[in-house]
Every structure is written in structure tokens, then in C-alpha cells.
Amino acid sequence: MGCLVLCSGPPDFFPEEDDDEVTRQSYVNDNVKVNEFLFRRVDIEDVVGAHLLAAKRAPAIGFRRYIISATTPFLHSDVAELRADAPSVVRRRAVNYQAEYVRRGWKMFQSIDRVYLNDRARNELGWQPRYDFDFIIARLQTGHGPQSPLARLIGVKGYHADRLAGRPYPAAE
């Protein structure tokens, strides 16, 4: 019988404030989290689904590592422009977001420096994450929050009671 490991980090699913002070001051928390669904965030409901599929498939495929993150709309050809002018790329790849962002007073990150790809998990496990950027925008447009019911149920756990060096939780420098 094989063993299978899933990597659900570095993609994020925690609802806590961003650890970067400039980001916290520049964007409201939900704006940050929704932006991150373009390139690194994942909803806990999708993480659980991936783990269940992995457990089922482990005997057949053995030890494997997967990136478990929302499916990005970006293409490899977008990489250089994402770093220089992310809003332009997002307008091309996720055309339905702008009105909702304007309505909420939100803004897109100016630069995206990395994009996590979940292709291997989708192809090998048959995993189909629901909570990608377009799905989240549709939820927002219909009056729902960006989180899945499971994410809302779990909520913020307050893993770190102390703020360190201006951060909401301890983090490496």
C-alpha cells in the first residue's frame, strides 16, 4: 500500500489578517483574500475534498506531492506582465470581477510574483476545486461571502495570541 502526501501550503486558507503590514494597511482583509484566489489561496472545503480523493487514490498511485490551491486563470505567457501590471492581466483573464470590485471599493494587487498550479492534483486525483476567483466573484455578486460554509464554520481560531513586530501573528523575518 502506498503513501500519499498533499501540500496545501504555501497556498493559504487561513482567514487571519495578512502578515505584511503594508498589505494590511492598503487592502481590507476580504479584498486581500479574494485577490489571492487568483494565484495562491484555497478554500478549506476544496482542501478537504483533495485529501479525501488522495486517501482513496493512495493505494493505486503511491507517494505523491500536490499543490492544492484554487485553479488560476493565468497562462504561462502572463508571468512577466503579472509582475509588472497584474490588473491588466486580471482584466483579460477574469473579466467579470471589475464591477464587483468597484461596488466594494476594492482594488487588485499591482504585482503578482508567483502563481501556484494545481494541474497535477486535478489530473492525477480527478480533483475539481470549486472555489476559484470566478466562483468567488459570482458568490459576492449574489450577496454571499467569499468563504465556503465549512470555512465560515471553522472561522478564525486565533492561533497566535500575541502580535509580534507589528504582525498579527509570529512570522519569520
Foldseek 3Di string as FASTA:
>chain_A
DADEDEDAPPADAAQDADQDPVCVVPFPSLLVQLLSLQFGHAAVVLVVVLVVLCVVCCVPPHYDYFHRGHAHQDDPVCQVVQAQAVVVRCCVRQVPQVVLCVVVVHDHDRHDNHGGHGVCSCVVSVRDGQLGSNNQSVCVVVPHHSHDPVCVVVDHDCPAVDADPNGSHDDDD
